[in-house]
Amino acid sequence: MLSPYHDQGHIAAKTLDFDGSVAVTLGLPVLRTSVDHGTAFDVAWQGVASPRSMIEAIKVAARLARKHRKD
């Protein structure tokens, strides 16, 4: 999903895969990926939050960094 603004793409991406979607910010001098959900304060400290989106964000960052290094 490509969108000009952060929140515009989130609805479609979360609909397809809520825990597996990742936000990538383009146009910065540094590589930036992040989870594609909010702070999840409603489940904080309850032991029920899924780490999947964070894991996916790290994987995407690593994959993009490897590709950039090869270029």
PDB file of N, CA and C in Angstrom:
ATOM      1  N   MET A   1       0.844  -1.157   0.000  1.00  0.00           N
ATOM      2  CA  MET A   1       0.000   0.000   0.000  1.00  0.00           C
ATOM      3  C   MET A   1       0.893   1.224   0.000  1.00  0.00           C
ATOM      4  N   LEU A   2       0.734   2.080  -0.945  1.00  0.00           N
ATOM      5  CA  LEU A   2       1.499   3.312  -1.015  1.00  0.00           C
ATOM      6  C   LEU A   2       0.530   4.474  -0.823  1.00  0.00           C
ATOM      7  N   SER A   3       0.840   5.343   0.098  1.00  0.00           N
ATOM      8  CA  SER A   3      -0.038   6.489   0.337  1.00  0.00           C
ATOM      9  C   SER A   3       0.803   7.717   0.659  1.00  0.00           C
ATOM     10  N   PRO A   4       0.308   8.902   0.315  1.00  0.00           N
ATOM     11  CA  PRO A   4       1.080  10.119   0.559  1.00  0.00           C
ATOM     12  C   PRO A   4       1.144  10.505   2.032  1.00  0.00           C
ATOM     13  N   TYR A   5       0.202  10.053   2.817  1.00  0.00           N
ATOM     14  CA  TYR A   5       0.176  10.397   4.240  1.00  0.00           C
ATOM     15  C   TYR A   5       0.081   9.140   5.080  1.00  0.00           C
ATOM     16  N   HIS A   6       0.710   9.180   6.224  1.00  0.00           N
ATOM     17  CA  HIS A   6       0.827   8.049   7.135  1.00  0.00           C
ATOM     18  C   HIS A   6      -0.506   7.341   7.392  1.00  0.00           C
ATOM     19  N   ASP A   7      -1.514   8.070   7.795  1.00  0.00           N
ATOM     20  CA  ASP A   7      -2.775   7.446   8.201  1.00  0.00           C
ATOM     21  C   ASP A   7      -3.630   6.956   7.037  1.00  0.00           C
ATOM     22  N   GLN A   8      -3.434   7.484   5.851  1.00  0.00           N
ATOM     23  CA  GLN A   8      -4.266   7.086   4.722  1.00  0.00           C
ATOM     24  C   GLN A   8      -4.058   5.623   4.332  1.00  0.00           C
ATOM     25  N   GLY A   9      -2.842   5.155   4.405  1.00  0.00           N
ATOM     26  CA  GLY A   9      -2.566   3.779   4.015  1.00  0.00           C
ATOM     27  C   GLY A   9      -2.839   2.759   5.103  1.00  0.00           C
ATOM     28  N   HIS A  10      -2.937   3.218   6.332  1.00  0.00           N
ATOM     29  CA  HIS A  10      -3.101   2.290   7.450  1.00  0.00           C
ATOM     30  C   HIS A  10      -4.400   1.504   7.397  1.00  0.00           C
ATOM     31  N   ILE A  11      -5.475   2.118   6.999  1.00  0.00           N
ATOM     32  CA  ILE A  11      -6.764   1.423   6.981  1.00  0.00           C
ATOM     33  C   ILE A  11      -6.695   0.215   6.057  1.00  0.00           C
ATOM     34  N   ALA A  12      -6.224   0.430   4.842  1.00  0.00           N
ATOM     35  CA  ALA A  12      -6.145  -0.678   3.883  1.00  0.00           C
ATOM     36  C   ALA A  12      -5.134  -1.732   4.331  1.00  0.00           C
ATOM     37  N   ALA A  13      -3.979  -1.296   4.801  1.00  0.00           N
ATOM     38  CA  ALA A  13      -2.945  -2.249   5.215  1.00  0.00           C
ATOM     39  C   ALA A  13      -3.406  -3.082   6.411  1.00  0.00           C
ATOM     40  N   LYS A  14      -4.005  -2.444   7.390  1.00  0.00           N
ATOM     41  CA  LYS A  14      -4.484  -3.170   8.572  1.00  0.00           C
ATOM     42  C   LYS A  14      -5.618  -4.118   8.223  1.00  0.00           C
ATOM     43  N   THR A  15      -6.419  -3.751   7.240  1.00  0.00           N
ATOM     44  CA  THR A  15      -7.508  -4.629   6.818  1.00  0.00           C
ATOM     45  C   THR A  15      -6.949  -5.911   6.222  1.00  0.00           C
ATOM     46  N   LEU A  16      -5.855  -5.797   5.473  1.00  0.00           N
ATOM     47  CA  LEU A  16      -5.248  -6.974   4.847  1.00  0.00           C
ATOM     48  C   LEU A  16      -4.503  -7.842   5.857  1.00  0.00           C
ATOM     49  N   ASP A  17      -3.752  -7.224   6.759  1.00  0.00           N
ATOM     50  CA  ASP A  17      -2.946  -7.997   7.713  1.00  0.00           C
ATOM     51  C   ASP A  17      -2.589  -7.104   8.901  1.00  0.00           C
ATOM     52  N   PHE A  18      -3.442  -7.069   9.889  1.00  0.00           N
ATOM     53  CA  PHE A  18      -3.282  -6.138  11.006  1.00  0.00           C
ATOM     54  C   PHE A  18      -1.940  -6.286  11.715  1.00  0.00           C
ATOM     55  N   ASP A  19      -1.562  -7.496  12.063  1.00  0.00           N
ATOM     56  CA  ASP A  19      -0.328  -7.695  12.832  1.00  0.00           C
ATOM     57  C   ASP A  19       0.930  -7.764  11.979  1.00  0.00           C
ATOM     58  N   GLY A  20       0.781  -7.925  10.669  1.00  0.00           N
ATOM     59  CA  GLY A  20       1.963  -8.110   9.834  1.00  0.00           C
ATOM     60  C   GLY A  20       2.329  -6.919   8.974  1.00  0.00           C
ATOM     61  N   SER A  21       1.526  -5.872   9.029  1.00  0.00           N
ATOM     62  CA  SER A  21       1.838  -4.721   8.182  1.00  0.00           C
ATOM     63  C   SER A  21       2.911  -3.842   8.831  1.00  0.00           C
ATOM     64  N   VAL A  22       3.677  -3.178   7.978  1.00  0.00           N
ATOM     65  CA  VAL A  22       4.809  -2.367   8.416  1.00  0.00           C
ATOM     66  C   VAL A  22       4.752  -1.018   7.706  1.00  0.00           C
ATOM     67  N   ALA A  23       5.050   0.043   8.418  1.00  0.00           N
ATOM     68  CA  ALA A  23       5.126   1.369   7.807  1.00  0.00           C
ATOM     69  C   ALA A  23       6.586   1.660   7.446  1.00  0.00           C
ATOM     70  N   VAL A  24       6.806   2.118   6.219  1.00  0.00           N
ATOM     71  CA  VAL A  24       8.136   2.520   5.762  1.00  0.00           C
ATOM     72  C   VAL A  24       8.028   3.982   5.347  1.00  0.00           C
ATOM     73  N   THR A  25       8.864   4.824   5.925  1.00  0.00           N
ATOM     74  CA  THR A  25       8.855   6.242   5.585  1.00  0.00           C
ATOM     75  C   THR A  25       9.921   6.492   4.532  1.00  0.00           C
ATOM     76  N   LEU A  26       9.503   7.022   3.402  1.00  0.00           N
ATOM     77  CA  LEU A  26      10.419   7.295   2.302  1.00  0.00           C
ATOM     78  C   LEU A  26      10.856   8.750   2.316  1.00  0.00           C
ATOM     79  N   GLY A  27      11.956   9.048   1.677  1.00  0.00           N
ATOM     80  CA  GLY A  27      12.409  10.420   1.522  1.00  0.00           C
ATOM     81  C   GLY A  27      13.228  10.953   2.685  1.00  0.00           C
ATOM     82  N   LEU A  28      13.603  10.099   3.600  1.00  0.00           N
ATOM     83  CA  LEU A  28      14.443  10.521   4.719  1.00  0.00           C
ATOM     84  C   LEU A  28      15.897  10.153   4.435  1.00  0.00           C
ATOM     85  N   PRO A  29      16.844  10.806   5.088  1.00  0.00           N
ATOM     86  CA  PRO A  29      18.241  10.436   4.897  1.00  0.00           C
ATOM     87  C   PRO A  29      18.620   9.142   5.623  1.00  0.00           C
ATOM     88  N   VAL A  30      17.700   8.601   6.413  1.00  0.00           N
ATOM     89  CA  VAL A  30      17.926   7.345   7.128  1.00  0.00           C
ATOM     90  C   VAL A  30      16.782   6.387   6.819  1.00  0.00           C
ATOM     91  N   LEU A  31      17.041   5.110   6.970  1.00  0.00           N
ATOM     92  CA  LEU A  31      16.019   4.093   6.792  1.00  0.00           C
ATOM     93  C   LEU A  31      15.106   4.108   8.008  1.00  0.00           C
ATOM     94  N   ARG A  32      13.775   4.177   7.785  1.00  0.00           N
ATOM     95  CA  ARG A  32      12.835   4.192   8.904  1.00  0.00           C
ATOM     96  C   ARG A  32      11.681   3.247   8.619  1.00  0.00           C
ATOM     97  N   THR A  33      11.558   2.226   9.455  1.00  0.00           N
ATOM     98  CA  THR A  33      10.396   1.352   9.427  1.00  0.00           C
ATOM     99  C   THR A  33       9.784   1.398  10.814  1.00  0.00           C
ATOM    100  N   SER A  34       8.504   1.116  10.883  1.00  0.00           N
ATOM    101  CA  SER A  34       7.848   1.079  12.185  1.00  0.00           C
ATOM    102  C   SER A  34       6.646   0.155  12.128  1.00  0.00           C
ATOM    103  N   VAL A  35       6.173  -0.206  13.298  1.00  0.00           N
ATOM    104  CA  VAL A  35       4.953  -1.013  13.368  1.00  0.00           C
ATOM    105  C   VAL A  35       3.822  -0.199  12.758  1.00  0.00           C
ATOM    106  N   ASP A  36       2.843  -0.893  12.258  1.00  0.00           N
ATOM    107  CA  ASP A  36       1.747  -0.214  11.572  1.00  0.00           C
ATOM    108  C   ASP A  36       0.507  -0.121  12.464  1.00  0.00           C
ATOM    109  N   HIS A  37       0.741   0.078  13.740  1.00  0.00           N
ATOM    110  CA  HIS A  37      -0.382   0.247  14.663  1.00  0.00           C
ATOM    111  C   HIS A  37       0.013   1.284  15.702  1.00  0.00           C
ATOM    112  N   GLY A  38      -0.901   1.646  16.517  1.00  0.00           N
ATOM    113  CA  GLY A  38      -0.641   2.662  17.542  1.00  0.00           C
ATOM    114  C   GLY A  38       0.109   2.104  18.735  1.00  0.00           C
ATOM    115  N   THR A  39       0.011   2.808  19.823  1.00  0.00           N
ATOM    116  CA  THR A  39       0.755   2.446  21.025  1.00  0.00           C
ATOM    117  C   THR A  39       0.163   1.264  21.781  1.00  0.00           C
ATOM    118  N   ALA A  40      -1.060   0.918  21.517  1.00  0.00           N
ATOM    119  CA  ALA A  40      -1.738  -0.231  22.138  1.00  0.00           C
ATOM    120  C   ALA A  40      -1.783  -0.123  23.664  1.00  0.00           C
ATOM    121  N   PHE A  41      -2.024   1.077  24.150  1.00  0.00           N
ATOM    122  CA  PHE A  41      -2.126   1.261  25.596  1.00  0.00           C
ATOM    123  C   PHE A  41      -3.242   0.409  26.203  1.00  0.00           C
ATOM    124  N   ASP A  42      -4.238   0.061  25.400  1.00  0.00           N
ATOM    125  CA  ASP A  42      -5.347  -0.744  25.924  1.00  0.00           C
ATOM    126  C   ASP A  42      -4.908  -2.158  26.318  1.00  0.00           C
ATOM    127  N   VAL A  43      -3.793  -2.642  25.776  1.00  0.00           N
ATOM    128  CA  VAL A  43      -3.314  -3.978  26.140  1.00  0.00           C
ATOM    129  C   VAL A  43      -1.942  -3.954  26.815  1.00  0.00           C
ATOM    130  N   ALA A  44      -1.428  -2.756  27.068  1.00  0.00           N
ATOM    131  CA  ALA A  44      -0.103  -2.646  27.693  1.00  0.00           C
ATOM    132  C   ALA A  44      -0.087  -3.315  29.061  1.00  0.00           C
ATOM    133  N   TRP A  45       1.004  -3.997  29.327  1.00  0.00           N
ATOM    134  CA  TRP A  45       1.255  -4.662  30.607  1.00  0.00           C
ATOM    135  C   TRP A  45       0.255  -5.764  30.942  1.00  0.00           C
ATOM    136  N   GLN A  46      -0.450  -6.279  29.936  1.00  0.00           N
ATOM    137  CA  GLN A  46      -1.396  -7.375  30.167  1.00  0.00           C
ATOM    138  C   GLN A  46      -0.868  -8.706  29.641  1.00  0.00           C
ATOM    139  N   GLY A  47       0.255  -8.652  28.944  1.00  0.00           N
ATOM    140  CA  GLY A  47       0.831  -9.889  28.416  1.00  0.00           C
ATOM    141  C   GLY A  47       0.097 -10.447  27.211  1.00  0.00           C
ATOM    142  N   VAL A  48      -0.681  -9.620  26.518  1.00  0.00           N
ATOM    143  CA  VAL A  48      -1.448 -10.108  25.374  1.00  0.00           C
ATOM    144  C   VAL A  48      -1.050  -9.457  24.054  1.00  0.00           C
ATOM    145  N   ALA A  49      -0.193  -8.465  24.094  1.00  0.00           N
ATOM    146  CA  ALA A  49       0.217  -7.777  22.868  1.00  0.00           C
ATOM    147  C   ALA A  49       1.070  -8.703  22.002  1.00  0.00           C
ATOM    148  N   SER A  50       0.860  -8.628  20.707  1.00  0.00           N
ATOM    149  CA  SER A  50       1.621  -9.450  19.773  1.00  0.00           C
ATOM    150  C   SER A  50       2.880  -8.710  19.329  1.00  0.00           C
ATOM    151  N   PRO A  51       4.025  -9.387  19.313  1.00  0.00           N
ATOM    152  CA  PRO A  51       5.260  -8.762  18.842  1.00  0.00           C
ATOM    153  C   PRO A  51       5.424  -8.856  17.323  1.00  0.00           C
ATOM    154  N   ARG A  52       4.460  -9.463  16.638  1.00  0.00           N
ATOM    155  CA  ARG A  52       4.619  -9.776  15.216  1.00  0.00           C
ATOM    156  C   ARG A  52       4.913  -8.544  14.359  1.00  0.00           C
ATOM    157  N   SER A  53       4.198  -7.448  14.570  1.00  0.00           N
ATOM    158  CA  SER A  53       4.419  -6.262  13.746  1.00  0.00           C
ATOM    159  C   SER A  53       5.818  -5.690  13.951  1.00  0.00           C
ATOM    160  N   MET A  54       6.324  -5.714  15.177  1.00  0.00           N
ATOM    161  CA  MET A  54       7.685  -5.230  15.448  1.00  0.00           C
ATOM    162  C   MET A  54       8.714  -6.133  14.773  1.00  0.00           C
ATOM    163  N   ILE A  55       8.492  -7.423  14.852  1.00  0.00           N
ATOM    164  CA  ILE A  55       9.398  -8.374  14.198  1.00  0.00           C
ATOM    165  C   ILE A  55       9.405  -8.143  12.687  1.00  0.00           C
ATOM    166  N   GLU A  56       8.223  -7.938  12.104  1.00  0.00           N
ATOM    167  CA  GLU A  56       8.137  -7.683  10.662  1.00  0.00           C
ATOM    168  C   GLU A  56       8.828  -6.373  10.292  1.00  0.00           C
ATOM    169  N   ALA A  57       8.687  -5.337  11.124  1.00  0.00           N
ATOM    170  CA  ALA A  57       9.342  -4.046  10.851  1.00  0.00           C
ATOM    171  C   ALA A  57      10.857  -4.199  10.857  1.00  0.00           C
ATOM    172  N   ILE A  58      11.376  -4.990  11.769  1.00  0.00           N
ATOM    173  CA  ILE A  58      12.822  -5.234  11.833  1.00  0.00           C
ATOM    174  C   ILE A  58      13.285  -6.016  10.605  1.00  0.00           C
ATOM    175  N   LYS A  59      12.503  -7.014  10.199  1.00  0.00           N
ATOM    176  CA  LYS A  59      12.851  -7.804   9.014  1.00  0.00           C
ATOM    177  C   LYS A  59      12.866  -6.944   7.754  1.00  0.00           C
ATOM    178  N   VAL A  60      11.863  -6.084   7.608  1.00  0.00           N
ATOM    179  CA  VAL A  60      11.806  -5.199   6.436  1.00  0.00           C
ATOM    180  C   VAL A  60      13.002  -4.255   6.439  1.00  0.00           C
ATOM    181  N   ALA A  61      13.329  -3.693   7.598  1.00  0.00           N
ATOM    182  CA  ALA A  61      14.479  -2.785   7.695  1.00  0.00           C
ATOM    183  C   ALA A  61      15.767  -3.507   7.304  1.00  0.00           C
ATOM    184  N   ALA A  62      15.938  -4.727   7.775  1.00  0.00           N
ATOM    185  CA  ALA A  62      17.143  -5.494   7.444  1.00  0.00           C
ATOM    186  C   ALA A  62      17.213  -5.788   5.951  1.00  0.00           C
ATOM    187  N   ARG A  63      16.073  -6.164   5.368  1.00  0.00           N
ATOM    188  CA  ARG A  63      16.029  -6.468   3.936  1.00  0.00           C
ATOM    189  C   ARG A  63      16.341  -5.220   3.103  1.00  0.00           C
ATOM    190  N   LEU A  64      15.765  -4.076   3.477  1.00  0.00           N
ATOM    191  CA  LEU A  64      16.038  -2.835   2.751  1.00  0.00           C
ATOM    192  C   LEU A  64      17.489  -2.389   2.921  1.00  0.00           C
ATOM    193  N   ALA A  65      18.044  -2.575   4.103  1.00  0.00           N
ATOM    194  CA  ALA A  65      19.432  -2.191   4.354  1.00  0.00           C
ATOM    195  C   ALA A  65      20.388  -3.049   3.527  1.00  0.00           C
ATOM    196  N   ARG A  66      20.118  -4.344   3.444  1.00  0.00           N
ATOM    197  CA  ARG A  66      20.944  -5.236   2.626  1.00  0.00           C
ATOM    198  C   ARG A  66      20.882  -4.833   1.161  1.00  0.00           C
ATOM    199  N   LYS A  67      19.670  -4.547   0.677  1.00  0.00           N
ATOM    200  CA  LYS A  67      19.515  -4.150  -0.717  1.00  0.00           C
ATOM    201  C   LYS A  67      20.237  -2.838  -0.994  1.00  0.00           C
ATOM    202  N   HIS A  68      20.132  -1.890  -0.100  1.00  0.00           N
ATOM    203  CA  HIS A  68      20.803  -0.592  -0.269  1.00  0.00           C
ATOM    204  C   HIS A  68      22.318  -0.754  -0.270  1.00  0.00           C
ATOM    205  N   ARG A  69      22.805  -1.649   0.547  1.00  0.00           N
ATOM    206  CA  ARG A  69      24.260  -1.871   0.651  1.00  0.00           C
ATOM    207  C   ARG A  69      24.814  -2.443  -0.635  1.00  0.00           C
ATOM    208  N   LYS A  70      24.031  -3.274  -1.302  1.00  0.00           N
ATOM    209  CA  LYS A  70      24.460  -3.908  -2.555  1.00  0.00           C
ATOM    210  C   LYS A  70      24.476  -2.900  -3.711  1.00  0.00           C
ATOM    211  N   ASP A  71      23.607  -1.889  -3.648  1.00  0.00           N
ATOM    212  CA  ASP A  71      23.494  -0.907  -4.742  1.00  0.00           C
ATOM    213  C   ASP A  71      24.651   0.030  -4.822  1.00  0.00           C
TER     214      ASP A  71
END
